[in-house]
Amino acid sequence: MQKALKTATLAVVLAATGITGGPANAQTPPGRQDLPPVRERQELPTQKLNLTLEQRHTIRELIKDVKDQASTHDVKAVVGEPIPSDITPSPMPAAVGQKVPQVKAHRFFVAGQKIVIVDPKDNNVAEVISLSEN
């Protein structure tokens, strides 16, 4: 009888402290299958500029006059992707840099009906702004 009592007591103590031979599923959070590993997540392209609608409007209004310098071919500009090697972006106009400081160091070009803002460090697209106010 004492042996059975000791065994039952030991089982209760082990269960209460979580020291069992089985897996501790309740203690371990499930893995996130919807996210890539951390190393891969850091390399994913992200939108570098968080411009408000007002800032986009300001950039559009100040750069639309430069439209005559527009590229003759339409460029597929995707945020985080490099720009084509045959395009040389222009420095951001001083007026734009004063009104929207986060684009001051960036460069830009106009292609078709888009203003493409480029990060000068890696020549990747940082933002695309439509020239039409849709």
C-alpha atoms as a PDB file:
ATOM      1  CA  MET A   1       0.000   0.000   0.000  1.00  0.00           C
ATOM      2  CA  GLN A   2       2.832   2.387   0.892  1.00  0.00           C
ATOM      3  CA  LYS A   3       4.576   1.639  -2.391  1.00  0.00           C
ATOM      4  CA  ALA A   4       1.426   2.509  -4.350  1.00  0.00           C
ATOM      5  CA  LEU A   5       1.032   5.737  -2.343  1.00  0.00           C
ATOM      6  CA  LYS A   6       4.667   6.709  -2.994  1.00  0.00           C
ATOM      7  CA  THR A   7       4.273   6.000  -6.723  1.00  0.00           C
ATOM      8  CA  ALA A   8       1.088   8.065  -6.914  1.00  0.00           C
ATOM      9  CA  THR A   9       2.702  10.941  -4.993  1.00  0.00           C
ATOM     10  CA  LEU A  10       5.770  10.872  -7.262  1.00  0.00           C
ATOM     11  CA  ALA A  11       3.523  10.925 -10.347  1.00  0.00           C
ATOM     12  CA  VAL A  12       1.611  13.959  -9.018  1.00  0.00           C
ATOM     13  CA  VAL A  13       4.856  15.821  -8.190  1.00  0.00           C
ATOM     14  CA  LEU A  14       6.359  15.075 -11.608  1.00  0.00           C
ATOM     15  CA  ALA A  15       3.192  16.140 -13.388  1.00  0.00           C
ATOM     16  CA  ALA A  16       2.992  19.365 -11.372  1.00  0.00           C
ATOM     17  CA  THR A  17       6.601  20.325 -12.093  1.00  0.00           C
ATOM     18  CA  GLY A  18       6.457  19.360 -15.736  1.00  0.00           C
ATOM     19  CA  ILE A  19       9.248  16.783 -15.459  1.00  0.00           C
ATOM     20  CA  THR A  20       7.881  13.989 -17.569  1.00  0.00           C
ATOM     21  CA  GLY A  21       9.298  11.834 -20.287  1.00  0.00           C
ATOM     22  CA  GLY A  22       6.839  13.047 -22.931  1.00  0.00           C
ATOM     23  CA  PRO A  23       6.970  16.184 -25.070  1.00  0.00           C
ATOM     24  CA  ALA A  24       6.033  19.460 -23.430  1.00  0.00           C
ATOM     25  CA  ASN A  25       3.674  20.711 -26.124  1.00  0.00           C
ATOM     26  CA  ALA A  26       1.819  22.988 -23.746  1.00  0.00           C
ATOM     27  CA  GLN A  27       5.104  24.695 -22.814  1.00  0.00           C
ATOM     28  CA  THR A  28       6.377  25.275 -26.368  1.00  0.00           C
ATOM     29  CA  PRO A  29       4.633  27.755 -28.674  1.00  0.00           C
ATOM     30  CA  PRO A  30       3.855  26.361 -32.118  1.00  0.00           C
ATOM     31  CA  GLY A  31       6.166  27.387 -34.958  1.00  0.00           C
ATOM     32  CA  ARG A  32       4.968  30.125 -37.298  1.00  0.00           C
ATOM     33  CA  GLN A  33       4.606  28.402 -40.648  1.00  0.00           C
ATOM     34  CA  ASP A  34       3.457  31.614 -42.367  1.00  0.00           C
ATOM     35  CA  LEU A  35       6.781  33.427 -41.863  1.00  0.00           C
ATOM     36  CA  PRO A  36      10.138  32.625 -43.473  1.00  0.00           C
ATOM     37  CA  PRO A  37      13.147  32.109 -41.174  1.00  0.00           C
ATOM     38  CA  VAL A  38      14.513  35.295 -39.576  1.00  0.00           C
ATOM     39  CA  ARG A  39      17.544  35.418 -41.865  1.00  0.00           C
ATOM     40  CA  GLU A  40      15.289  35.371 -44.940  1.00  0.00           C
ATOM     41  CA  ARG A  41      12.869  37.941 -43.493  1.00  0.00           C
ATOM     42  CA  GLN A  42      15.696  40.453 -43.090  1.00  0.00           C
ATOM     43  CA  GLU A  43      16.565  40.177 -46.781  1.00  0.00           C
ATOM     44  CA  LEU A  44      13.038  40.697 -48.091  1.00  0.00           C
ATOM     45  CA  PRO A  45      12.585  44.009 -49.892  1.00  0.00           C
ATOM     46  CA  THR A  46      10.550  46.469 -47.940  1.00  0.00           C
ATOM     47  CA  GLN A  47       9.147  49.844 -48.677  1.00  0.00           C
ATOM     48  CA  LYS A  48      11.794  52.218 -47.397  1.00  0.00           C
ATOM     49  CA  LEU A  49       9.755  55.418 -47.385  1.00  0.00           C
ATOM     50  CA  ASN A  50       6.513  55.874 -45.525  1.00  0.00           C
ATOM     51  CA  LEU A  51       5.186  58.928 -47.286  1.00  0.00           C
ATOM     52  CA  THR A  52       1.853  60.451 -46.397  1.00  0.00           C
ATOM     53  CA  LEU A  53      -0.663  61.379 -49.087  1.00  0.00           C
ATOM     54  CA  GLU A  54       0.252  65.031 -48.529  1.00  0.00           C
ATOM     55  CA  GLN A  55       3.969  64.322 -49.013  1.00  0.00           C
ATOM     56  CA  ARG A  56       3.230  62.346 -52.186  1.00  0.00           C
ATOM     57  CA  HIS A  57       1.144  65.260 -53.465  1.00  0.00           C
ATOM     58  CA  THR A  58       3.965  67.719 -52.676  1.00  0.00           C
ATOM     59  CA  ILE A  59       6.523  65.585 -54.527  1.00  0.00           C
ATOM     60  CA  ARG A  60       4.148  65.156 -57.483  1.00  0.00           C
ATOM     61  CA  GLU A  61       3.501  68.902 -57.740  1.00  0.00           C
ATOM     62  CA  LEU A  62       7.167  69.879 -57.485  1.00  0.00           C
ATOM     63  CA  ILE A  63       8.464  67.228 -59.890  1.00  0.00           C
ATOM     64  CA  LYS A  64       5.718  67.258 -62.540  1.00  0.00           C
ATOM     65  CA  ASP A  65       7.392  70.264 -64.194  1.00  0.00           C
ATOM     66  CA  VAL A  66      10.503  68.121 -64.723  1.00  0.00           C
ATOM     67  CA  LYS A  67       8.393  65.690 -66.727  1.00  0.00           C
ATOM     68  CA  ASP A  68      10.040  66.849 -69.975  1.00  0.00           C
ATOM     69  CA  GLN A  69      13.130  64.938 -68.791  1.00  0.00           C
ATOM     70  CA  ALA A  70      11.032  61.769 -68.671  1.00  0.00           C
ATOM     71  CA  SER A  71      12.414  58.488 -69.899  1.00  0.00           C
ATOM     72  CA  THR A  72      11.036  57.523 -73.286  1.00  0.00           C
ATOM     73  CA  HIS A  73      10.433  53.904 -72.298  1.00  0.00           C
ATOM     74  CA  ASP A  74       8.168  52.716 -69.550  1.00  0.00           C
ATOM     75  CA  VAL A  75      10.125  51.136 -66.710  1.00  0.00           C
ATOM     76  CA  LYS A  76       8.720  48.472 -64.411  1.00  0.00           C
ATOM     77  CA  ALA A  77       9.557  50.013 -61.036  1.00  0.00           C
ATOM     78  CA  VAL A  78       9.046  47.788 -58.000  1.00  0.00           C
ATOM     79  CA  VAL A  79       9.928  48.957 -54.493  1.00  0.00           C
ATOM     80  CA  GLY A  80      13.078  47.198 -53.313  1.00  0.00           C
ATOM     81  CA  GLU A  81      14.182  46.193 -56.825  1.00  0.00           C
ATOM     82  CA  PRO A  82      17.212  47.738 -58.597  1.00  0.00           C
ATOM     83  CA  ILE A  83      16.634  50.246 -61.376  1.00  0.00           C
ATOM     84  CA  PRO A  84      17.735  49.410 -64.937  1.00  0.00           C
ATOM     85  CA  SER A  85      21.426  50.103 -65.543  1.00  0.00           C
ATOM     86  CA  ASP A  86      20.704  52.400 -68.507  1.00  0.00           C
ATOM     87  CA  ILE A  87      18.850  54.922 -66.301  1.00  0.00           C
ATOM     88  CA  THR A  88      20.707  57.633 -64.412  1.00  0.00           C
ATOM     89  CA  PRO A  89      18.480  59.175 -61.737  1.00  0.00           C
ATOM     90  CA  SER A  90      18.640  62.910 -61.058  1.00  0.00           C
ATOM     91  CA  PRO A  91      19.293  64.529 -57.680  1.00  0.00           C
ATOM     92  CA  MET A  92      16.159  65.399 -55.745  1.00  0.00           C
ATOM     93  CA  PRO A  93      15.247  69.079 -56.257  1.00  0.00           C
ATOM     94  CA  ALA A  94      16.081  71.265 -53.245  1.00  0.00           C
ATOM     95  CA  ALA A  95      12.442  72.381 -52.912  1.00  0.00           C
ATOM     96  CA  VAL A  96      11.333  68.757 -52.538  1.00  0.00           C
ATOM     97  CA  GLY A  97      14.061  68.071 -49.961  1.00  0.00           C
ATOM     98  CA  GLN A  98      12.945  71.075 -47.906  1.00  0.00           C
ATOM     99  CA  LYS A  99       9.292  70.069 -47.869  1.00  0.00           C
ATOM    100  CA  VAL A 100       9.794  66.278 -47.567  1.00  0.00           C
ATOM    101  CA  PRO A 101      13.066  65.796 -45.638  1.00  0.00           C
ATOM    102  CA  GLN A 102      13.089  61.972 -45.799  1.00  0.00           C
ATOM    103  CA  VAL A 103      13.667  62.098 -49.595  1.00  0.00           C
ATOM    104  CA  LYS A 104      16.321  64.818 -49.493  1.00  0.00           C
ATOM    105  CA  ALA A 105      19.240  62.426 -50.114  1.00  0.00           C
ATOM    106  CA  HIS A 106      17.333  60.289 -52.629  1.00  0.00           C
ATOM    107  CA  ARG A 107      17.457  60.547 -56.404  1.00  0.00           C
ATOM    108  CA  PHE A 108      14.584  60.228 -58.873  1.00  0.00           C
ATOM    109  CA  PHE A 109      13.581  59.762 -62.478  1.00  0.00           C
ATOM    110  CA  VAL A 110      10.308  60.054 -64.349  1.00  0.00           C
ATOM    111  CA  ALA A 111       9.226  57.144 -66.513  1.00  0.00           C
ATOM    112  CA  GLY A 112       5.892  57.156 -68.284  1.00  0.00           C
ATOM    113  CA  GLN A 113       3.351  58.397 -65.757  1.00  0.00           C
ATOM    114  CA  LYS A 114       5.451  57.540 -62.682  1.00  0.00           C
ATOM    115  CA  ILE A 115       7.936  59.325 -60.469  1.00  0.00           C
ATOM    116  CA  VAL A 116      10.435  56.728 -59.285  1.00  0.00           C
ATOM    117  CA  ILE A 117      12.381  57.627 -56.127  1.00  0.00           C
ATOM    118  CA  VAL A 118      15.697  55.804 -55.830  1.00  0.00           C
ATOM    119  CA  ASP A 119      17.854  55.083 -52.786  1.00  0.00           C
ATOM    120  CA  PRO A 120      21.340  56.331 -53.768  1.00  0.00           C
ATOM    121  CA  LYS A 121      23.109  53.774 -51.543  1.00  0.00           C
ATOM    122  CA  ASP A 122      22.025  50.733 -53.536  1.00  0.00           C
ATOM    123  CA  ASN A 123      20.185  52.172 -56.585  1.00  0.00           C
ATOM    124  CA  ASN A 124      17.034  50.334 -55.550  1.00  0.00           C
ATOM    125  CA  VAL A 125      13.543  51.749 -55.942  1.00  0.00           C
ATOM    126  CA  ALA A 126      12.437  53.322 -52.666  1.00  0.00           C
ATOM    127  CA  GLU A 127       9.036  54.644 -53.769  1.00  0.00           C
ATOM    128  CA  VAL A 128       6.858  54.979 -56.879  1.00  0.00           C
ATOM    129  CA  ILE A 129       4.435  57.882 -57.180  1.00  0.00           C
ATOM    130  CA  SER A 130       1.887  58.177 -59.975  1.00  0.00           C
ATOM    131  CA  LEU A 131       1.843  61.507 -61.804  1.00  0.00           C
ATOM    132  CA  SER A 132      -1.933  61.338 -62.097  1.00  0.00           C
ATOM    133  CA  GLU A 133      -3.832  61.993 -58.861  1.00  0.00           C
ATOM    134  CA  ASN A 134      -6.080  58.942 -58.899  1.00  0.00           C
END
